[in-house]
Amino acid sequence: MYELSGTVKQIFEEKTFGSGFNLREFVVTTEADKYPQDICLQCIKEKVEMVNQLKEGEKVKVSFDLRGREYQGRYFVNLNAWKVETAIAGSDSSSNGDEPPPFDPSDEILDEEPPF
């Protein structure tokens, strides 16, 4: 489990795939470092609803998991958010999800099945 805090910079449109799988990505700008970083995270399946409640410019704290995979000799990493807390009047209130969802290999998006 990892966490980061920052400001919502951009929210992308929800993507739905033929299998019924859906995801929505959003970008959070961290301000803890000397140089701010724009970090793209994603919510999948029922967690997409958390992103629907966010607004650009809003301060958030995001809990997420790393998901990595190899596909055709290239490596990919996704940051899957499972909890988003927004700052309201100096206090935190959480949006959906108190614990990470169990890992489901079907969550991975591949254009074709791996050869094994």
PDB file of N, CA and C in Angstrom:
ATOM      1  N   MET A   1       0.843  -1.178   0.000  1.00  0.00           N
ATOM      2  CA  MET A   1       0.000   0.000   0.000  1.00  0.00           C
ATOM      3  C   MET A   1       0.890   1.245   0.000  1.00  0.00           C
ATOM      4  N   TYR A   2       0.530   2.189  -0.810  1.00  0.00           N
ATOM      5  CA  TYR A   2       1.258   3.445  -0.913  1.00  0.00           C
ATOM      6  C   TYR A   2       0.261   4.585  -0.764  1.00  0.00           C
ATOM      7  N   GLU A   3       0.769   5.762  -0.388  1.00  0.00           N
ATOM      8  CA  GLU A   3      -0.081   6.952  -0.272  1.00  0.00           C
ATOM      9  C   GLU A   3       0.645   8.145  -0.862  1.00  0.00           C
ATOM     10  N   LEU A   4      -0.138   9.077  -1.382  1.00  0.00           N
ATOM     11  CA  LEU A   4       0.411  10.359  -1.801  1.00  0.00           C
ATOM     12  C   LEU A   4      -0.646  11.426  -1.575  1.00  0.00           C
ATOM     13  N   SER A   5      -0.173  12.646  -1.363  1.00  0.00           N
ATOM     14  CA  SER A   5      -1.068  13.786  -1.170  1.00  0.00           C
ATOM     15  C   SER A   5      -0.735  14.843  -2.198  1.00  0.00           C
ATOM     16  N   GLY A   6      -1.754  15.574  -2.608  1.00  0.00           N
ATOM     17  CA  GLY A   6      -1.540  16.633  -3.579  1.00  0.00           C
ATOM     18  C   GLY A   6      -2.845  17.232  -4.038  1.00  0.00           C
ATOM     19  N   THR A   7      -2.798  17.864  -5.203  1.00  0.00           N
ATOM     20  CA  THR A   7      -3.948  18.552  -5.780  1.00  0.00           C
ATOM     21  C   THR A   7      -4.352  17.859  -7.075  1.00  0.00           C
ATOM     22  N   VAL A   8      -5.666  17.654  -7.241  1.00  0.00           N
ATOM     23  CA  VAL A   8      -6.160  17.041  -8.475  1.00  0.00           C
ATOM     24  C   VAL A   8      -5.924  18.020  -9.614  1.00  0.00           C
ATOM     25  N   LYS A   9      -5.133  17.609 -10.591  1.00  0.00           N
ATOM     26  CA  LYS A   9      -4.807  18.471 -11.722  1.00  0.00           C
ATOM     27  C   LYS A   9      -5.743  18.231 -12.897  1.00  0.00           C
ATOM     28  N   GLN A  10      -6.030  16.955 -13.182  1.00  0.00           N
ATOM     29  CA  GLN A  10      -6.856  16.633 -14.343  1.00  0.00           C
ATOM     30  C   GLN A  10      -7.607  15.335 -14.082  1.00  0.00           C
ATOM     31  N   ILE A  11      -8.830  15.264 -14.606  1.00  0.00           N
ATOM     32  CA  ILE A  11      -9.650  14.062 -14.521  1.00  0.00           C
ATOM     33  C   ILE A  11     -10.031  13.674 -15.942  1.00  0.00           C
ATOM     34  N   PHE A  12      -9.717  12.443 -16.322  1.00  0.00           N
ATOM     35  CA  PHE A  12      -9.997  11.970 -17.675  1.00  0.00           C
ATOM     36  C   PHE A  12     -11.367  11.297 -17.741  1.00  0.00           C
ATOM     37  N   GLU A  13     -11.856  11.141 -18.955  1.00  0.00           N
ATOM     38  CA  GLU A  13     -13.141  10.473 -19.177  1.00  0.00           C
ATOM     39  C   GLU A  13     -13.029   8.989 -18.816  1.00  0.00           C
ATOM     40  N   GLU A  14     -14.139   8.419 -18.409  1.00  0.00           N
ATOM     41  CA  GLU A  14     -14.188   6.992 -18.100  1.00  0.00           C
ATOM     42  C   GLU A  14     -14.039   6.180 -19.383  1.00  0.00           C
ATOM     43  N   LYS A  15     -13.278   5.091 -19.309  1.00  0.00           N
ATOM     44  CA  LYS A  15     -13.096   4.190 -20.448  1.00  0.00           C
ATOM     45  C   LYS A  15     -13.797   2.874 -20.127  1.00  0.00           C
ATOM     46  N   THR A  16     -14.611   2.400 -21.069  1.00  0.00           N
ATOM     47  CA  THR A  16     -15.284   1.116 -20.917  1.00  0.00           C
ATOM     48  C   THR A  16     -14.863   0.223 -22.073  1.00  0.00           C
ATOM     49  N   PHE A  17     -14.517  -1.014 -21.752  1.00  0.00           N
ATOM     50  CA  PHE A  17     -14.041  -1.956 -22.749  1.00  0.00           C
ATOM     51  C   PHE A  17     -15.117  -2.992 -23.039  1.00  0.00           C
ATOM     52  N   GLY A  18     -14.972  -3.694 -24.157  1.00  0.00           N
ATOM     53  CA  GLY A  18     -15.962  -4.659 -24.617  1.00  0.00           C
ATOM     54  C   GLY A  18     -16.333  -5.716 -23.592  1.00  0.00           C
ATOM     55  N   SER A  19     -15.411  -6.071 -22.730  1.00  0.00           N
ATOM     56  CA  SER A  19     -15.670  -7.100 -21.720  1.00  0.00           C
ATOM     57  C   SER A  19     -16.498  -6.562 -20.553  1.00  0.00           C
ATOM     58  N   GLY A  20     -16.821  -5.252 -20.572  1.00  0.00           N
ATOM     59  CA  GLY A  20     -17.549  -4.639 -19.468  1.00  0.00           C
ATOM     60  C   GLY A  20     -16.625  -4.017 -18.432  1.00  0.00           C
ATOM     61  N   PHE A  21     -15.318  -4.200 -18.602  1.00  0.00           N
ATOM     62  CA  PHE A  21     -14.314  -3.627 -17.706  1.00  0.00           C
ATOM     63  C   PHE A  21     -14.282  -2.119 -17.907  1.00  0.00           C
ATOM     64  N   ASN A  22     -14.227  -1.350 -16.812  1.00  0.00           N
ATOM     65  CA  ASN A  22     -14.144   0.100 -16.939  1.00  0.00           C
ATOM     66  C   ASN A  22     -13.065   0.656 -16.011  1.00  0.00           C
ATOM     67  N   LEU A  23     -12.502   1.809 -16.427  1.00  0.00           N
ATOM     68  CA  LEU A  23     -11.509   2.493 -15.612  1.00  0.00           C
ATOM     69  C   LEU A  23     -11.593   3.989 -15.874  1.00  0.00           C
ATOM     70  N   ARG A  24     -11.074   4.747 -14.921  1.00  0.00           N
ATOM     71  CA  ARG A  24     -11.004   6.198 -15.071  1.00  0.00           C
ATOM     72  C   ARG A  24      -9.701   6.658 -14.449  1.00  0.00           C
ATOM     73  N   GLU A  25      -8.979   7.493 -15.177  1.00  0.00           N
ATOM     74  CA  GLU A  25      -7.690   7.991 -14.720  1.00  0.00           C
ATOM     75  C   GLU A  25      -7.812   9.438 -14.252  1.00  0.00           C
ATOM     76  N   PHE A  26      -6.919   9.809 -13.332  1.00  0.00           N
ATOM     77  CA  PHE A  26      -6.839  11.190 -12.873  1.00  0.00           C
ATOM     78  C   PHE A  26      -5.395  11.489 -12.494  1.00  0.00           C
ATOM     79  N   VAL A  27      -5.045  12.770 -12.538  1.00  0.00           N
ATOM     80  CA  VAL A  27      -3.676  13.205 -12.259  1.00  0.00           C
ATOM     81  C   VAL A  27      -3.667  14.025 -10.977  1.00  0.00           C
ATOM     82  N   VAL A  28      -2.736  13.685 -10.082  1.00  0.00           N
ATOM     83  CA  VAL A  28      -2.542  14.420  -8.835  1.00  0.00           C
ATOM     84  C   VAL A  28      -1.147  15.032  -8.873  1.00  0.00           C
ATOM     85  N   THR A  29      -1.054  16.329  -8.585  1.00  0.00           N
ATOM     86  CA  THR A  29       0.230  17.020  -8.508  1.00  0.00           C
ATOM     87  C   THR A  29       0.683  17.030  -7.055  1.00  0.00           C
ATOM     88  N   THR A  30       1.834  16.402  -6.788  1.00  0.00           N
ATOM     89  CA  THR A  30       2.377  16.389  -5.429  1.00  0.00           C
ATOM     90  C   THR A  30       3.178  17.664  -5.207  1.00  0.00           C
ATOM     91  N   GLU A  31       3.190  18.117  -3.970  1.00  0.00           N
ATOM     92  CA  GLU A  31       3.893  19.359  -3.651  1.00  0.00           C
ATOM     93  C   GLU A  31       4.914  19.169  -2.542  1.00  0.00           C
ATOM     94  N   ALA A  32       5.140  17.926  -2.126  1.00  0.00           N
ATOM     95  CA  ALA A  32       6.052  17.659  -1.023  1.00  0.00           C
ATOM     96  C   ALA A  32       7.513  17.799  -1.435  1.00  0.00           C
ATOM     97  N   ASP A  33       7.791  17.604  -2.696  1.00  0.00           N
ATOM     98  CA  ASP A  33       9.164  17.668  -3.185  1.00  0.00           C
ATOM     99  C   ASP A  33       9.516  19.083  -3.630  1.00  0.00           C
ATOM    100  N   LYS A  34      10.816  19.290  -3.865  1.00  0.00           N
ATOM    101  CA  LYS A  34      11.272  20.578  -4.373  1.00  0.00           C
ATOM    102  C   LYS A  34      10.648  20.851  -5.737  1.00  0.00           C
ATOM    103  N   TYR A  35      10.533  19.798  -6.533  1.00  0.00           N
ATOM    104  CA  TYR A  35       9.922  19.913  -7.858  1.00  0.00           C
ATOM    105  C   TYR A  35       8.609  19.139  -7.859  1.00  0.00           C
ATOM    106  N   PRO A  36       7.476  19.815  -8.054  1.00  0.00           N
ATOM    107  CA  PRO A  36       6.184  19.120  -8.069  1.00  0.00           C
ATOM    108  C   PRO A  36       6.150  18.034  -9.146  1.00  0.00           C
ATOM    109  N   GLN A  37       5.479  16.942  -8.838  1.00  0.00           N
ATOM    110  CA  GLN A  37       5.358  15.815  -9.755  1.00  0.00           C
ATOM    111  C   GLN A  37       3.893  15.600 -10.108  1.00  0.00           C
ATOM    112  N   ASP A  38       3.605  15.348 -11.380  1.00  0.00           N
ATOM    113  CA  ASP A  38       2.260  14.997 -11.826  1.00  0.00           C
ATOM    114  C   ASP A  38       2.186  13.479 -11.900  1.00  0.00           C
ATOM    115  N   ILE A  39       1.331  12.882 -11.077  1.00  0.00           N
ATOM    116  CA  ILE A  39       1.212  11.433 -10.971  1.00  0.00           C
ATOM    117  C   ILE A  39      -0.155  11.004 -11.499  1.00  0.00           C
ATOM    118  N   CYS A  40      -0.156  10.112 -12.490  1.00  0.00           N
ATOM    119  CA  CYS A  40      -1.405   9.602 -13.064  1.00  0.00           C
ATOM    120  C   CYS A  40      -1.792   8.310 -12.347  1.00  0.00           C
ATOM    121  N   LEU A  41      -2.997   8.295 -11.770  1.00  0.00           N
ATOM    122  CA  LEU A  41      -3.529   7.117 -11.096  1.00  0.00           C
ATOM    123  C   LEU A  41      -4.790   6.671 -11.812  1.00  0.00           C
ATOM    124  N   GLN A  42      -5.238   5.462 -11.519  1.00  0.00           N
ATOM    125  CA  GLN A  42      -6.471   4.984 -12.127  1.00  0.00           C
ATOM    126  C   GLN A  42      -7.335   4.286 -11.085  1.00  0.00           C
ATOM    127  N   CYS A  43      -8.636   4.321 -11.321  1.00  0.00           N
ATOM    128  CA  CYS A  43      -9.596   3.554 -10.536  1.00  0.00           C
ATOM    129  C   CYS A  43     -10.257   2.576 -11.488  1.00  0.00           C
ATOM    130  N   ILE A  44     -10.487   1.371 -11.002  1.00  0.00           N
ATOM    131  CA  ILE A  44     -11.085   0.355 -11.861  1.00  0.00           C
ATOM    132  C   ILE A  44     -12.378  -0.168 -11.250  1.00  0.00           C
ATOM    133  N   LYS A  45     -13.217  -0.703 -12.118  1.00  0.00           N
ATOM    134  CA  LYS A  45     -14.493  -1.313 -11.744  1.00  0.00           C
ATOM    135  C   LYS A  45     -15.319  -0.364 -10.884  1.00  0.00           C
ATOM    136  N   GLU A  46     -15.791  -0.840  -9.713  1.00  0.00           N
ATOM    137  CA  GLU A  46     -16.691  -0.029  -8.884  1.00  0.00           C
ATOM    138  C   GLU A  46     -15.992   1.172  -8.243  1.00  0.00           C
ATOM    139  N   LYS A  47     -14.676   1.189  -8.195  1.00  0.00           N
ATOM    140  CA  LYS A  47     -13.934   2.310  -7.601  1.00  0.00           C
ATOM    141  C   LYS A  47     -13.964   3.558  -8.486  1.00  0.00           C
ATOM    142  N   VAL A  48     -14.429   3.423  -9.737  1.00  0.00           N
ATOM    143  CA  VAL A  48     -14.538   4.569 -10.652  1.00  0.00           C
ATOM    144  C   VAL A  48     -15.417   5.654 -10.034  1.00  0.00           C
ATOM    145  N   GLU A  49     -16.382   5.256  -9.235  1.00  0.00           N
ATOM    146  CA  GLU A  49     -17.302   6.210  -8.603  1.00  0.00           C
ATOM    147  C   GLU A  49     -16.551   7.231  -7.734  1.00  0.00           C
ATOM    148  N   MET A  50     -15.417   6.841  -7.150  1.00  0.00           N
ATOM    149  CA  MET A  50     -14.630   7.779  -6.336  1.00  0.00           C
ATOM    150  C   MET A  50     -14.158   8.963  -7.170  1.00  0.00           C
ATOM    151  N   VAL A  51     -13.738   8.696  -8.407  1.00  0.00           N
ATOM    152  CA  VAL A  51     -13.228   9.760  -9.276  1.00  0.00           C
ATOM    153  C   VAL A  51     -14.364  10.685  -9.700  1.00  0.00           C
ATOM    154  N   ASN A  52     -15.552  10.138  -9.868  1.00  0.00           N
ATOM    155  CA  ASN A  52     -16.701  10.954 -10.267  1.00  0.00           C
ATOM    156  C   ASN A  52     -17.003  12.045  -9.246  1.00  0.00           C
ATOM    157  N   GLN A  53     -16.600  11.851  -7.990  1.00  0.00           N
ATOM    158  CA  GLN A  53     -16.869  12.819  -6.928  1.00  0.00           C
ATOM    159  C   GLN A  53     -15.772  13.875  -6.786  1.00  0.00           C
ATOM    160  N   LEU A  54     -14.668  13.712  -7.500  1.00  0.00           N
ATOM    161  CA  LEU A  54     -13.553  14.657  -7.390  1.00  0.00           C
ATOM    162  C   LEU A  54     -13.750  15.870  -8.291  1.00  0.00           C
ATOM    163  N   LYS A  55     -13.071  16.959  -7.913  1.00  0.00           N
ATOM    164  CA  LYS A  55     -13.066  18.181  -8.719  1.00  0.00           C
ATOM    165  C   LYS A  55     -11.614  18.603  -8.928  1.00  0.00           C
ATOM    166  N   GLU A  56     -11.327  19.134 -10.103  1.00  0.00           N
ATOM    167  CA  GLU A  56      -9.980  19.633 -10.365  1.00  0.00           C
ATOM    168  C   GLU A  56      -9.673  20.774  -9.404  1.00  0.00           C
ATOM    169  N   GLY A  57      -8.452  20.802  -8.873  1.00  0.00           N
ATOM    170  CA  GLY A  57      -8.038  21.813  -7.914  1.00  0.00           C
ATOM    171  C   GLY A  57      -8.255  21.401  -6.467  1.00  0.00           C
ATOM    172  N   GLU A  58      -8.903  20.282  -6.229  1.00  0.00           N
ATOM    173  CA  GLU A  58      -9.206  19.795  -4.886  1.00  0.00           C
ATOM    174  C   GLU A  58      -7.986  19.106  -4.278  1.00  0.00           C
ATOM    175  N   LYS A  59      -7.740  19.335  -2.986  1.00  0.00           N
ATOM    176  CA  LYS A  59      -6.654  18.672  -2.259  1.00  0.00           C
ATOM    177  C   LYS A  59      -7.114  17.269  -1.876  1.00  0.00           C
ATOM    178  N   VAL A  60      -6.252  16.278  -2.131  1.00  0.00           N
ATOM    179  CA  VAL A  60      -6.608  14.890  -1.848  1.00  0.00           C
ATOM    180  C   VAL A  60      -5.432  14.119  -1.262  1.00  0.00           C
ATOM    181  N   LYS A  61      -5.764  13.024  -0.600  1.00  0.00           N
ATOM    182  CA  LYS A  61      -4.789  12.026  -0.157  1.00  0.00           C
ATOM    183  C   LYS A  61      -5.265  10.711  -0.760  1.00  0.00           C
ATOM    184  N   VAL A  62      -4.406  10.060  -1.546  1.00  0.00           N
ATOM    185  CA  VAL A  62      -4.787   8.863  -2.292  1.00  0.00           C
ATOM    186  C   VAL A  62      -4.000   7.659  -1.784  1.00  0.00           C
ATOM    187  N   SER A  63      -4.719   6.576  -1.490  1.00  0.00           N
ATOM    188  CA  SER A  63      -4.097   5.292  -1.168  1.00  0.00           C
ATOM    189  C   SER A  63      -4.188   4.431  -2.416  1.00  0.00           C
ATOM    190  N   PHE A  64      -3.081   3.777  -2.767  1.00  0.00           N
ATOM    191  CA  PHE A  64      -3.068   3.026  -4.018  1.00  0.00           C
ATOM    192  C   PHE A  64      -2.113   1.840  -3.939  1.00  0.00           C
ATOM    193  N   ASP A  65      -2.262   0.930  -4.891  1.00  0.00           N
ATOM    194  CA  ASP A  65      -1.382  -0.224  -5.042  1.00  0.00           C
ATOM    195  C   ASP A  65      -0.668  -0.131  -6.379  1.00  0.00           C
ATOM    196  N   LEU A  66       0.520  -0.713  -6.442  1.00  0.00           N
ATOM    197  CA  LEU A  66       1.263  -0.813  -7.699  1.00  0.00           C
ATOM    198  C   LEU A  66       0.894  -2.119  -8.388  1.00  0.00           C
ATOM    199  N   ARG A  67       0.660  -2.060  -9.677  1.00  0.00           N
ATOM    200  CA  ARG A  67       0.402  -3.258 -10.478  1.00  0.00           C
ATOM    201  C   ARG A  67       1.330  -3.208 -11.686  1.00  0.00           C
ATOM    202  N   GLY A  68       2.194  -4.200 -11.822  1.00  0.00           N
ATOM    203  CA  GLY A  68       3.129  -4.233 -12.941  1.00  0.00           C
ATOM    204  C   GLY A  68       2.940  -5.489 -13.768  1.00  0.00           C
ATOM    205  N   ARG A  69       3.288  -5.394 -15.033  1.00  0.00           N
ATOM    206  CA  ARG A  69       3.191  -6.554 -15.915  1.00  0.00           C
ATOM    207  C   ARG A  69       4.125  -6.375 -17.105  1.00  0.00           C
ATOM    208  N   GLU A  70       4.434  -7.506 -17.743  1.00  0.00           N
ATOM    209  CA  GLU A  70       5.238  -7.512 -18.958  1.00  0.00           C
ATOM    210  C   GLU A  70       4.325  -7.916 -20.102  1.00  0.00           C
ATOM    211  N   TYR A  71       4.458  -7.225 -21.218  1.00  0.00           N
ATOM    212  CA  TYR A  71       3.657  -7.533 -22.400  1.00  0.00           C
ATOM    213  C   TYR A  71       4.512  -7.299 -23.635  1.00  0.00           C
ATOM    214  N   GLN A  72       4.760  -8.354 -24.374  1.00  0.00           N
ATOM    215  CA  GLN A  72       5.557  -8.304 -25.593  1.00  0.00           C
ATOM    216  C   GLN A  72       6.909  -7.619 -25.378  1.00  0.00           C
ATOM    217  N   GLY A  73       7.578  -7.996 -24.300  1.00  0.00           N
ATOM    218  CA  GLY A  73       8.910  -7.481 -24.027  1.00  0.00           C
ATOM    219  C   GLY A  73       8.951  -6.086 -23.420  1.00  0.00           C
ATOM    220  N   ARG A  74       7.807  -5.479 -23.196  1.00  0.00           N
ATOM    221  CA  ARG A  74       7.751  -4.150 -22.562  1.00  0.00           C
ATOM    222  C   ARG A  74       7.112  -4.298 -21.193  1.00  0.00           C
ATOM    223  N   TYR A  75       7.480  -3.407 -20.286  1.00  0.00           N
ATOM    224  CA  TYR A  75       6.972  -3.470 -18.921  1.00  0.00           C
ATOM    225  C   TYR A  75       6.092  -2.264 -18.643  1.00  0.00           C
ATOM    226  N   PHE A  76       4.989  -2.516 -17.950  1.00  0.00           N
ATOM    227  CA  PHE A  76       4.010  -1.477 -17.653  1.00  0.00           C
ATOM    228  C   PHE A  76       3.702  -1.482 -16.164  1.00  0.00           C
ATOM    229  N   VAL A  77       3.458  -0.299 -15.610  1.00  0.00           N
ATOM    230  CA  VAL A  77       3.095  -0.153 -14.208  1.00  0.00           C
ATOM    231  C   VAL A  77       1.841   0.706 -14.131  1.00  0.00           C
ATOM    232  N   ASN A  78       0.866   0.251 -13.353  1.00  0.00           N
ATOM    233  CA  ASN A  78      -0.343   1.028 -13.095  1.00  0.00           C
ATOM    234  C   ASN A  78      -0.412   1.341 -11.612  1.00  0.00           C
ATOM    235  N   LEU A  79      -0.881   2.521 -11.279  1.00  0.00           N
ATOM    236  CA  LEU A  79      -1.127   2.905  -9.898  1.00  0.00           C
ATOM    237  C   LEU A  79      -2.636   2.845  -9.691  1.00  0.00           C
ATOM    238  N   ASN A  80      -3.109   1.783  -9.032  1.00  0.00           N
ATOM    239  CA  ASN A  80      -4.542   1.569  -8.843  1.00  0.00           C
ATOM    240  C   ASN A  80      -4.994   2.154  -7.511  1.00  0.00           C
ATOM    241  N   ALA A  81      -5.732   3.254  -7.578  1.00  0.00           N
ATOM    242  CA  ALA A  81      -6.244   3.912  -6.374  1.00  0.00           C
ATOM    243  C   ALA A  81      -7.425   3.124  -5.825  1.00  0.00           C
ATOM    244  N   TRP A  82      -7.445   2.937  -4.507  1.00  0.00           N
ATOM    245  CA  TRP A  82      -8.562   2.242  -3.878  1.00  0.00           C
ATOM    246  C   TRP A  82      -9.196   3.067  -2.763  1.00  0.00           C
ATOM    247  N   LYS A  83      -8.600   4.224  -2.439  1.00  0.00           N
ATOM    248  CA  LYS A  83      -9.183   5.117  -1.433  1.00  0.00           C
ATOM    249  C   LYS A  83      -8.738   6.537  -1.741  1.00  0.00           C
ATOM    250  N   VAL A  84      -9.679   7.475  -1.688  1.00  0.00           N
ATOM    251  CA  VAL A  84      -9.372   8.883  -1.910  1.00  0.00           C
ATOM    252  C   VAL A  84     -10.001   9.678  -0.778  1.00  0.00           C
ATOM    253  N   GLU A  85      -9.184  10.458  -0.078  1.00  0.00           N
ATOM    254  CA  GLU A  85      -9.670  11.331   0.988  1.00  0.00           C
ATOM    255  C   GLU A  85      -9.543  12.765   0.513  1.00  0.00           C
ATOM    256  N   THR A  86     -10.607  13.536   0.680  1.00  0.00           N
ATOM    257  CA  THR A  86     -10.583  14.946   0.294  1.00  0.00           C
ATOM    258  C   THR A  86     -10.522  15.807   1.542  1.00  0.00           C
ATOM    259  N   ALA A  87      -9.875  16.957   1.440  1.00  0.00           N
ATOM    260  CA  ALA A  87      -9.768  17.890   2.560  1.00  0.00           C
ATOM    261  C   ALA A  87     -10.988  18.798   2.566  1.00  0.00           C
ATOM    262  N   ILE A  88     -11.753  18.761   3.666  1.00  0.00           N
ATOM    263  CA  ILE A  88     -12.934  19.619   3.805  1.00  0.00           C
ATOM    264  C   ILE A  88     -12.790  20.395   5.107  1.00  0.00           C
ATOM    265  N   ALA A  89     -12.664  21.699   5.009  1.00  0.00           N
ATOM    266  CA  ALA A  89     -12.549  22.582   6.174  1.00  0.00           C
ATOM    267  C   ALA A  89     -11.487  22.096   7.152  1.00  0.00           C
ATOM    268  N   GLY A  90     -10.331  21.725   6.612  1.00  0.00           N
ATOM    269  CA  GLY A  90      -9.209  21.341   7.451  1.00  0.00           C
ATOM    270  C   GLY A  90      -9.265  19.926   7.983  1.00  0.00           C
ATOM    271  N   SER A  91     -10.284  19.165   7.640  1.00  0.00           N
ATOM    272  CA  SER A  91     -10.347  17.779   8.081  1.00  0.00           C
ATOM    273  C   SER A  91     -10.496  16.869   6.881  1.00  0.00           C
ATOM    274  N   ASP A  92     -10.180  15.615   7.088  1.00  0.00           N
ATOM    275  CA  ASP A  92     -10.283  14.643   5.998  1.00  0.00           C
ATOM    276  C   ASP A  92     -11.583  13.869   6.103  1.00  0.00           C
ATOM    277  N   SER A  93     -12.196  13.651   4.969  1.00  0.00           N
ATOM    278  CA  SER A  93     -13.329  12.732   4.895  1.00  0.00           C
ATOM    279  C   SER A  93     -13.043  11.793   3.752  1.00  0.00           C
ATOM    280  N   SER A  94     -13.301  10.528   3.958  1.00  0.00           N
ATOM    281  CA  SER A  94     -12.922   9.557   2.931  1.00  0.00           C
ATOM    282  C   SER A  94     -14.060   9.286   1.980  1.00  0.00           C
ATOM    283  N   SER A  95     -13.678   8.944   0.768  1.00  0.00           N
ATOM    284  CA  SER A  95     -14.621   8.555  -0.264  1.00  0.00           C
ATOM    285  C   SER A  95     -14.441   7.082  -0.530  1.00  0.00           C
ATOM    286  N   ASN A  96     -15.496   6.312  -0.375  1.00  0.00           N
ATOM    287  CA  ASN A  96     -15.526   4.892  -0.753  1.00  0.00           C
ATOM    288  C   ASN A  96     -14.232   4.145  -0.492  1.00  0.00           C
ATOM    289  N   GLY A  97     -14.331   2.973   0.072  1.00  0.00           N
ATOM    290  CA  GLY A  97     -13.208   2.055   0.154  1.00  0.00           C
ATOM    291  C   GLY A  97     -12.318   2.265   1.345  1.00  0.00           C
ATOM    292  N   ASP A  98     -12.411   1.375   2.335  1.00  0.00           N
ATOM    293  CA  ASP A  98     -11.556   1.472   3.492  1.00  0.00           C
ATOM    294  C   ASP A  98     -10.377   0.515   3.421  1.00  0.00           C
ATOM    295  N   GLU A  99     -10.417  -0.427   2.510  1.00  0.00           N
ATOM    296  CA  GLU A  99      -9.328  -1.372   2.360  1.00  0.00           C
ATOM    297  C   GLU A  99      -9.142  -1.704   0.894  1.00  0.00           C
ATOM    298  N   PRO A 100      -7.959  -2.155   0.542  1.00  0.00           N
ATOM    299  CA  PRO A 100      -7.736  -2.444  -0.882  1.00  0.00           C
ATOM    300  C   PRO A 100      -8.577  -3.631  -1.323  1.00  0.00           C
ATOM    301  N   PRO A 101      -9.007  -3.617  -2.580  1.00  0.00           N
ATOM    302  CA  PRO A 101      -9.760  -4.760  -3.087  1.00  0.00           C
ATOM    303  C   PRO A 101      -8.823  -5.943  -3.263  1.00  0.00           C
ATOM    304  N   PRO A 102      -9.343  -7.165  -3.187  1.00  0.00           N
ATOM    305  CA  PRO A 102      -8.476  -8.315  -3.422  1.00  0.00           C
ATOM    306  C   PRO A 102      -7.959  -8.298  -4.851  1.00  0.00           C
ATOM    307  N   PHE A 103      -6.756  -8.807  -5.034  1.00  0.00           N
ATOM    308  CA  PHE A 103      -6.170  -8.815  -6.374  1.00  0.00           C
ATOM    309  C   PHE A 103      -6.958  -9.746  -7.271  1.00  0.00           C
ATOM    310  N   ASP A 104      -7.284  -9.277  -8.452  1.00  0.00           N
ATOM    311  CA  ASP A 104      -8.017 -10.053  -9.443  1.00  0.00           C
ATOM    312  C   ASP A 104      -7.245  -9.957 -10.746  1.00  0.00           C
ATOM    313  N   PRO A 105      -6.643 -11.059 -11.216  1.00  0.00           N
ATOM    314  CA  PRO A 105      -5.851 -10.995 -12.452  1.00  0.00           C
ATOM    315  C   PRO A 105      -6.648 -10.490 -13.644  1.00  0.00           C
ATOM    316  N   SER A 106      -7.970 -10.600 -13.615  1.00  0.00           N
ATOM    317  CA  SER A 106      -8.772 -10.109 -14.738  1.00  0.00           C
ATOM    318  C   SER A 106      -8.791  -8.588 -14.795  1.00  0.00           C
ATOM    319  N   ASP A 107      -8.264  -7.920 -13.751  1.00  0.00           N
ATOM    320  CA  ASP A 107      -8.194  -6.460 -13.754  1.00  0.00           C
ATOM    321  C   ASP A 107      -7.173  -5.941 -14.763  1.00  0.00           C
ATOM    322  N   GLU A 108      -6.222  -6.772 -15.133  1.00  0.00           N
ATOM    323  CA  GLU A 108      -5.183  -6.352 -16.059  1.00  0.00           C
ATOM    324  C   GLU A 108      -5.748  -6.243 -17.467  1.00  0.00           C
ATOM    325  N   ILE A 109      -5.375  -5.183 -18.178  1.00  0.00           N
ATOM    326  CA  ILE A 109      -5.865  -4.942 -19.528  1.00  0.00           C
ATOM    327  C   ILE A 109      -4.795  -5.388 -20.518  1.00  0.00           C
ATOM    328  N   LEU A 110      -5.107  -6.385 -21.300  1.00  0.00           N
ATOM    329  CA  LEU A 110      -4.191  -6.861 -22.323  1.00  0.00           C
ATOM    330  C   LEU A 110      -4.938  -6.952 -23.638  1.00  0.00           C
ATOM    331  N   ASP A 111      -4.267  -6.624 -24.728  1.00  0.00           N
ATOM    332  CA  ASP A 111      -4.885  -6.717 -26.042  1.00  0.00           C
ATOM    333  C   ASP A 111      -5.021  -8.167 -26.488  1.00  0.00           C
ATOM    334  N   GLU A 112      -4.138  -9.019 -26.017  1.00  0.00           N
ATOM    335  CA  GLU A 112      -4.229 -10.433 -26.336  1.00  0.00           C
ATOM    336  C   GLU A 112      -3.659 -11.213 -25.170  1.00  0.00           C
ATOM    337  N   GLU A 113      -3.994 -12.475 -25.111  1.00  0.00           N
ATOM    338  CA  GLU A 113      -3.556 -13.321 -24.009  1.00  0.00           C
ATOM    339  C   GLU A 113      -2.052 -13.574 -24.091  1.00  0.00           C
ATOM    340  N   PRO A 114      -1.363 -13.626 -22.943  1.00  0.00           N
ATOM    341  CA  PRO A 114       0.052 -13.971 -22.957  1.00  0.00           C
ATOM    342  C   PRO A 114       0.224 -15.430 -23.388  1.00  0.00           C
ATOM    343  N   PRO A 115       1.399 -15.809 -23.876  1.00  0.00           N
ATOM    344  CA  PRO A 115       1.606 -17.146 -24.433  1.00  0.00           C
ATOM    345  C   PRO A 115       1.724 -18.253 -23.401  1.00  0.00           C
ATOM    346  N   PHE A 116       1.555 -17.986 -22.131  1.00  0.00           N
ATOM    347  CA  PHE A 116       1.679 -19.047 -21.130  1.00  0.00           C
ATOM    348  C   PHE A 116       0.394 -19.282 -20.410  1.00  0.00           C
TER     349      PHE A 116
END
